[in-house]
Amino acid sequence: MAKWQYTKGLHDLGNGCLAYLQPDGSWGWSNAGLIVDGSENLLVDTLFDLKLTRQMLNEMRDKVPSARKIKTLVNTHANGDHTFGNQLVVGADIITTEQTAKEMLEHPPNSSGA
């Protein structure tokens, strides 16, 4: 297994799987993933705010040509540190569970109750 450091940024895990890491690990500092197969891609979660998500997407687009147009976004759960940046992935199909979709509607990023 290849060794890599847990540092901020995009890390190639092999076989079309990439991880975007934010090593702080405390509240609001989530990680995300990108799965790529040729010109197809799938983003797993966005980040806590627009600045962080924009940085992540820019790095993905710089390093992975197909990431210039994210076609599918999967949200693993409704917490804002995994969904708030969704608004920057324009035109993507968002896939999640019914419960997560319900929670996302009940507690949008601009609400005070989350």
N, C-alpha and C. Protein backbone atom coordinates (compact mmCIF):
# COMPACT_ATOMS: atom_id res chain seq x y z
N MET A 1 0.84 -1.19 0.00
CA MET A 1 0.00 0.00 0.00
C MET A 1 0.87 1.24 0.00
N ALA A 2 0.53 2.19 -0.85
CA ALA A 2 1.31 3.42 -0.95
C ALA A 2 1.16 4.26 0.31
N LYS A 3 2.23 4.92 0.67
CA LYS A 3 2.17 5.80 1.83
C LYS A 3 1.88 7.22 1.35
N TRP A 4 1.02 7.91 2.07
CA TRP A 4 0.74 9.31 1.81
C TRP A 4 0.45 9.97 3.14
N GLN A 5 0.64 11.28 3.16
CA GLN A 5 0.43 12.01 4.39
C GLN A 5 -0.98 12.59 4.45
N TYR A 6 -1.47 12.69 5.65
CA TYR A 6 -2.80 13.25 5.89
C TYR A 6 -2.67 14.77 5.88
N THR A 7 -2.63 15.33 4.68
CA THR A 7 -2.47 16.76 4.50
C THR A 7 -3.67 17.29 3.72
N LYS A 8 -3.90 18.58 3.86
CA LYS A 8 -5.03 19.20 3.16
C LYS A 8 -4.84 19.10 1.66
N GLY A 9 -5.90 18.74 0.98
CA GLY A 9 -5.87 18.71 -0.47
C GLY A 9 -6.37 17.40 -1.03
N LEU A 10 -6.21 17.28 -2.34
CA LEU A 10 -6.70 16.13 -3.08
C LEU A 10 -5.64 15.03 -3.12
N HIS A 11 -6.03 13.83 -2.76
CA HIS A 11 -5.11 12.69 -2.71
C HIS A 11 -5.66 11.57 -3.58
N ASP A 12 -4.82 11.07 -4.47
CA ASP A 12 -5.20 9.96 -5.35
C ASP A 12 -5.05 8.65 -4.58
N LEU A 13 -6.16 7.96 -4.37
CA LEU A 13 -6.14 6.69 -3.65
C LEU A 13 -5.98 5.50 -4.58
N GLY A 14 -6.07 5.75 -5.88
CA GLY A 14 -5.95 4.70 -6.87
C GLY A 14 -7.30 4.25 -7.40
N ASN A 15 -7.28 3.64 -8.57
CA ASN A 15 -8.49 3.09 -9.20
C ASN A 15 -9.60 4.13 -9.37
N GLY A 16 -9.24 5.38 -9.65
CA GLY A 16 -10.24 6.42 -9.88
C GLY A 16 -10.87 7.00 -8.63
N CYS A 17 -10.32 6.67 -7.48
CA CYS A 17 -10.85 7.19 -6.21
C CYS A 17 -9.90 8.24 -5.65
N LEU A 18 -10.44 9.41 -5.36
CA LEU A 18 -9.66 10.49 -4.79
C LEU A 18 -10.33 10.99 -3.52
N ALA A 19 -9.52 11.42 -2.57
CA ALA A 19 -10.04 11.96 -1.31
C ALA A 19 -9.57 13.39 -1.16
N TYR A 20 -10.50 14.27 -0.81
CA TYR A 20 -10.13 15.64 -0.47
C TYR A 20 -10.17 15.73 1.04
N LEU A 21 -8.99 15.95 1.63
CA LEU A 21 -8.86 15.91 3.08
C LEU A 21 -8.68 17.30 3.69
N GLN A 22 -9.22 17.46 4.87
CA GLN A 22 -9.02 18.65 5.69
C GLN A 22 -8.61 18.16 7.08
N PRO A 23 -7.32 18.05 7.32
CA PRO A 23 -6.82 17.34 8.51
C PRO A 23 -7.23 17.87 9.87
N ASP A 24 -7.74 19.06 9.97
CA ASP A 24 -8.11 19.58 11.28
C ASP A 24 -9.02 18.58 11.99
N GLY A 25 -10.04 18.09 11.29
CA GLY A 25 -10.90 17.05 11.84
C GLY A 25 -11.89 17.51 12.89
N SER A 26 -11.83 18.78 13.29
CA SER A 26 -12.78 19.25 14.29
C SER A 26 -14.08 19.68 13.63
N TRP A 27 -14.98 20.23 14.40
CA TRP A 27 -16.31 20.60 13.94
C TRP A 27 -16.23 21.43 12.67
N GLY A 28 -16.96 21.00 11.65
CA GLY A 28 -17.04 21.73 10.40
C GLY A 28 -15.96 21.41 9.38
N TRP A 29 -14.97 20.63 9.75
CA TRP A 29 -13.86 20.32 8.84
C TRP A 29 -14.02 18.90 8.32
N SER A 30 -14.94 18.70 7.41
CA SER A 30 -15.20 17.38 6.85
C SER A 30 -14.28 17.09 5.67
N ASN A 31 -14.37 15.90 5.17
CA ASN A 31 -13.63 15.47 3.99
C ASN A 31 -14.64 15.18 2.89
N ALA A 32 -14.15 14.99 1.67
CA ALA A 32 -15.03 14.69 0.55
C ALA A 32 -14.30 13.72 -0.37
N GLY A 33 -15.03 13.18 -1.33
CA GLY A 33 -14.43 12.23 -2.26
C GLY A 33 -14.82 12.51 -3.69
N LEU A 34 -14.00 12.04 -4.60
CA LEU A 34 -14.29 12.13 -6.02
C LEU A 34 -13.99 10.77 -6.63
N ILE A 35 -14.96 10.24 -7.34
CA ILE A 35 -14.79 8.96 -8.03
C ILE A 35 -14.86 9.25 -9.52
N VAL A 36 -13.84 8.80 -10.25
CA VAL A 36 -13.71 9.13 -11.67
C VAL A 36 -13.57 7.85 -12.49
N ASP A 37 -14.30 7.81 -13.60
CA ASP A 37 -14.16 6.72 -14.57
C ASP A 37 -14.21 7.36 -15.96
N GLY A 38 -13.04 7.59 -16.52
CA GLY A 38 -12.96 8.26 -17.82
C GLY A 38 -13.50 9.67 -17.72
N SER A 39 -14.54 9.97 -18.51
CA SER A 39 -15.13 11.31 -18.47
C SER A 39 -16.27 11.42 -17.47
N GLU A 40 -16.59 10.34 -16.80
CA GLU A 40 -17.66 10.34 -15.79
C GLU A 40 -17.08 10.56 -14.41
N ASN A 41 -17.87 11.19 -13.55
CA ASN A 41 -17.39 11.45 -12.19
C ASN A 41 -18.55 11.51 -11.22
N LEU A 42 -18.23 11.36 -9.96
CA LEU A 42 -19.20 11.42 -8.88
C LEU A 42 -18.52 12.06 -7.69
N LEU A 43 -19.08 13.14 -7.20
CA LEU A 43 -18.55 13.83 -6.03
C LEU A 43 -19.31 13.34 -4.80
N VAL A 44 -18.59 13.00 -3.74
CA VAL A 44 -19.20 12.56 -2.49
C VAL A 44 -19.04 13.69 -1.48
N ASP A 45 -20.15 14.39 -1.23
CA ASP A 45 -20.24 15.48 -0.27
C ASP A 45 -19.51 16.75 -0.74
N THR A 46 -19.98 17.87 -0.22
CA THR A 46 -19.29 19.14 -0.38
C THR A 46 -18.83 19.57 1.01
N LEU A 47 -18.41 20.80 1.16
CA LEU A 47 -17.81 21.21 2.43
C LEU A 47 -18.66 22.24 3.17
N PHE A 48 -18.16 22.69 4.30
CA PHE A 48 -18.88 23.49 5.28
C PHE A 48 -19.28 24.88 4.79
N ASP A 49 -18.44 25.48 3.97
CA ASP A 49 -18.79 26.82 3.48
C ASP A 49 -18.38 26.96 2.02
N LEU A 50 -18.75 28.08 1.43
CA LEU A 50 -18.50 28.28 0.01
C LEU A 50 -17.01 28.45 -0.29
N LYS A 51 -16.28 29.12 0.58
CA LYS A 51 -14.84 29.31 0.36
C LYS A 51 -14.12 27.96 0.32
N LEU A 52 -14.38 27.11 1.30
CA LEU A 52 -13.72 25.80 1.36
C LEU A 52 -14.14 24.93 0.17
N THR A 53 -15.43 24.94 -0.15
CA THR A 53 -15.91 24.14 -1.28
C THR A 53 -15.31 24.64 -2.59
N ARG A 54 -15.23 25.95 -2.76
CA ARG A 54 -14.64 26.52 -3.98
C ARG A 54 -13.17 26.09 -4.11
N GLN A 55 -12.43 26.15 -3.00
CA GLN A 55 -11.02 25.71 -3.02
C GLN A 55 -10.93 24.24 -3.44
N MET A 56 -11.79 23.41 -2.86
CA MET A 56 -11.79 21.99 -3.17
C MET A 56 -12.11 21.76 -4.65
N LEU A 57 -13.17 22.39 -5.14
CA LEU A 57 -13.57 22.20 -6.53
C LEU A 57 -12.49 22.70 -7.49
N ASN A 58 -11.86 23.82 -7.16
CA ASN A 58 -10.78 24.33 -8.02
C ASN A 58 -9.61 23.35 -8.09
N GLU A 59 -9.24 22.77 -6.96
CA GLU A 59 -8.15 21.80 -6.97
C GLU A 59 -8.55 20.55 -7.75
N MET A 60 -9.77 20.09 -7.57
CA MET A 60 -10.24 18.92 -8.33
C MET A 60 -10.21 19.22 -9.83
N ARG A 61 -10.68 20.40 -10.22
CA ARG A 61 -10.72 20.76 -11.63
C ARG A 61 -9.33 20.94 -12.22
N ASP A 62 -8.40 21.42 -11.42
CA ASP A 62 -7.02 21.57 -11.88
C ASP A 62 -6.33 20.23 -12.11
N LYS A 63 -6.65 19.25 -11.27
CA LYS A 63 -5.94 17.97 -11.30
C LYS A 63 -6.67 16.86 -12.05
N VAL A 64 -7.98 16.99 -12.21
CA VAL A 64 -8.78 15.93 -12.83
C VAL A 64 -9.65 16.56 -13.92
N PRO A 65 -9.30 16.37 -15.18
CA PRO A 65 -10.05 17.03 -16.27
C PRO A 65 -11.56 16.83 -16.21
N SER A 66 -12.03 15.63 -15.90
CA SER A 66 -13.48 15.39 -15.90
C SER A 66 -14.20 16.14 -14.78
N ALA A 67 -13.47 16.58 -13.77
CA ALA A 67 -14.08 17.29 -12.64
C ALA A 67 -14.46 18.72 -13.00
N ARG A 68 -14.11 19.14 -14.20
CA ARG A 68 -14.53 20.49 -14.62
C ARG A 68 -16.05 20.58 -14.70
N LYS A 69 -16.69 19.44 -14.88
CA LYS A 69 -18.16 19.38 -14.89
C LYS A 69 -18.58 18.18 -14.04
N ILE A 70 -18.93 18.47 -12.79
CA ILE A 70 -19.40 17.42 -11.89
C ILE A 70 -20.83 17.07 -12.29
N LYS A 71 -21.06 15.82 -12.62
CA LYS A 71 -22.38 15.40 -13.10
C LYS A 71 -23.27 14.86 -12.00
N THR A 72 -22.66 14.24 -11.00
CA THR A 72 -23.44 13.60 -9.94
C THR A 72 -22.81 13.92 -8.59
N LEU A 73 -23.63 14.25 -7.62
CA LEU A 73 -23.20 14.55 -6.26
C LEU A 73 -23.99 13.68 -5.31
N VAL A 74 -23.30 12.96 -4.45
CA VAL A 74 -23.95 12.14 -3.43
C VAL A 74 -23.72 12.81 -2.08
N ASN A 75 -24.81 13.05 -1.36
CA ASN A 75 -24.69 13.56 0.01
C ASN A 75 -24.91 12.40 0.96
N THR A 76 -23.91 12.15 1.80
CA THR A 76 -23.97 11.01 2.71
C THR A 76 -24.93 11.23 3.87
N HIS A 77 -25.07 12.48 4.28
CA HIS A 77 -26.03 12.85 5.32
C HIS A 77 -26.25 14.36 5.27
N ALA A 78 -27.16 14.88 6.08
CA ALA A 78 -27.65 16.24 5.92
C ALA A 78 -26.86 17.32 6.66
N ASN A 79 -25.86 16.96 7.42
CA ASN A 79 -25.11 17.99 8.14
C ASN A 79 -24.49 18.98 7.16
N GLY A 80 -24.52 20.25 7.54
CA GLY A 80 -24.04 21.32 6.67
C GLY A 80 -22.60 21.17 6.22
N ASP A 81 -21.77 20.52 7.03
CA ASP A 81 -20.37 20.36 6.61
C ASP A 81 -20.22 19.32 5.51
N HIS A 82 -21.33 18.73 5.08
CA HIS A 82 -21.32 17.80 3.95
C HIS A 82 -22.25 18.25 2.83
N THR A 83 -23.01 19.33 3.05
CA THR A 83 -24.01 19.74 2.06
C THR A 83 -24.00 21.21 1.68
N PHE A 84 -23.45 22.08 2.51
CA PHE A 84 -23.60 23.51 2.27
C PHE A 84 -23.04 23.93 0.92
N GLY A 85 -21.94 23.33 0.50
CA GLY A 85 -21.32 23.69 -0.77
C GLY A 85 -22.03 23.16 -1.99
N ASN A 86 -23.12 22.41 -1.81
CA ASN A 86 -23.86 21.86 -2.95
C ASN A 86 -24.20 22.94 -3.97
N GLN A 87 -24.49 24.14 -3.51
CA GLN A 87 -24.91 25.21 -4.40
C GLN A 87 -23.85 25.59 -5.42
N LEU A 88 -22.60 25.19 -5.19
CA LEU A 88 -21.52 25.49 -6.15
C LEU A 88 -21.37 24.41 -7.22
N VAL A 89 -22.09 23.32 -7.08
CA VAL A 89 -22.00 22.22 -8.05
C VAL A 89 -23.23 22.32 -8.97
N VAL A 90 -23.22 23.36 -9.76
CA VAL A 90 -24.37 23.72 -10.60
C VAL A 90 -24.64 22.63 -11.64
N GLY A 91 -25.91 22.24 -11.73
CA GLY A 91 -26.34 21.28 -12.73
C GLY A 91 -26.14 19.82 -12.38
N ALA A 92 -25.54 19.53 -11.24
CA ALA A 92 -25.32 18.14 -10.85
C ALA A 92 -26.61 17.51 -10.35
N ASP A 93 -26.78 16.23 -10.64
CA ASP A 93 -27.85 15.45 -10.03
C ASP A 93 -27.40 15.13 -8.62
N ILE A 94 -28.26 15.40 -7.63
CA ILE A 94 -27.92 15.12 -6.23
C ILE A 94 -28.65 13.85 -5.80
N ILE A 95 -27.89 12.92 -5.29
CA ILE A 95 -28.41 11.64 -4.82
C ILE A 95 -28.23 11.57 -3.31
N THR A 96 -29.29 11.19 -2.62
CA THR A 96 -29.22 10.99 -1.18
C THR A 96 -30.41 10.14 -0.76
N THR A 97 -30.52 9.85 0.51
CA THR A 97 -31.67 9.09 1.00
C THR A 97 -32.86 10.03 1.19
N GLU A 98 -34.05 9.45 1.28
CA GLU A 98 -35.25 10.25 1.53
C GLU A 98 -35.13 11.03 2.83
N GLN A 99 -34.63 10.38 3.86
CA GLN A 99 -34.50 11.04 5.17
C GLN A 99 -33.52 12.20 5.09
N THR A 100 -32.41 12.01 4.43
CA THR A 100 -31.43 13.09 4.30
C THR A 100 -32.02 14.26 3.52
N ALA A 101 -32.73 13.98 2.44
CA ALA A 101 -33.36 15.04 1.65
C ALA A 101 -34.35 15.82 2.51
N LYS A 102 -35.12 15.11 3.32
CA LYS A 102 -36.09 15.76 4.21
C LYS A 102 -35.38 16.67 5.21
N GLU A 103 -34.30 16.17 5.81
CA GLU A 103 -33.55 16.96 6.78
C GLU A 103 -32.91 18.18 6.12
N MET A 104 -32.45 18.03 4.89
CA MET A 104 -31.84 19.15 4.18
C MET A 104 -32.87 20.25 3.94
N LEU A 105 -34.12 19.87 3.67
CA LEU A 105 -35.18 20.86 3.47
C LEU A 105 -35.61 21.51 4.79
N GLU A 106 -35.62 20.71 5.86
CA GLU A 106 -36.02 21.23 7.17
C GLU A 106 -34.99 22.17 7.78
N HIS A 107 -33.73 21.91 7.49
CA HIS A 107 -32.63 22.70 8.09
C HIS A 107 -31.67 23.14 6.99
N PRO A 108 -32.10 24.10 6.15
CA PRO A 108 -31.20 24.57 5.09
C PRO A 108 -29.99 25.27 5.69
N PRO A 109 -28.92 25.45 4.93
CA PRO A 109 -27.69 26.04 5.46
C PRO A 109 -27.87 27.38 6.16
N ASN A 110 -28.84 28.18 5.74
CA ASN A 110 -29.00 29.51 6.34
C ASN A 110 -29.89 29.50 7.58
N SER A 111 -30.38 28.33 8.00
CA SER A 111 -31.23 28.27 9.19
C SER A 111 -30.37 28.22 10.45
N SER A 112 -30.95 28.62 11.55
CA SER A 112 -30.19 28.61 12.81
C SER A 112 -30.30 27.28 13.53
N GLY A 113 -31.21 26.42 13.12
CA GLY A 113 -31.38 25.16 13.83
C GLY A 113 -30.81 24.00 13.05
N ALA A 114 -29.66 23.53 13.44
CA ALA A 114 -29.06 22.37 12.77
C ALA A 114 -28.25 21.57 13.75
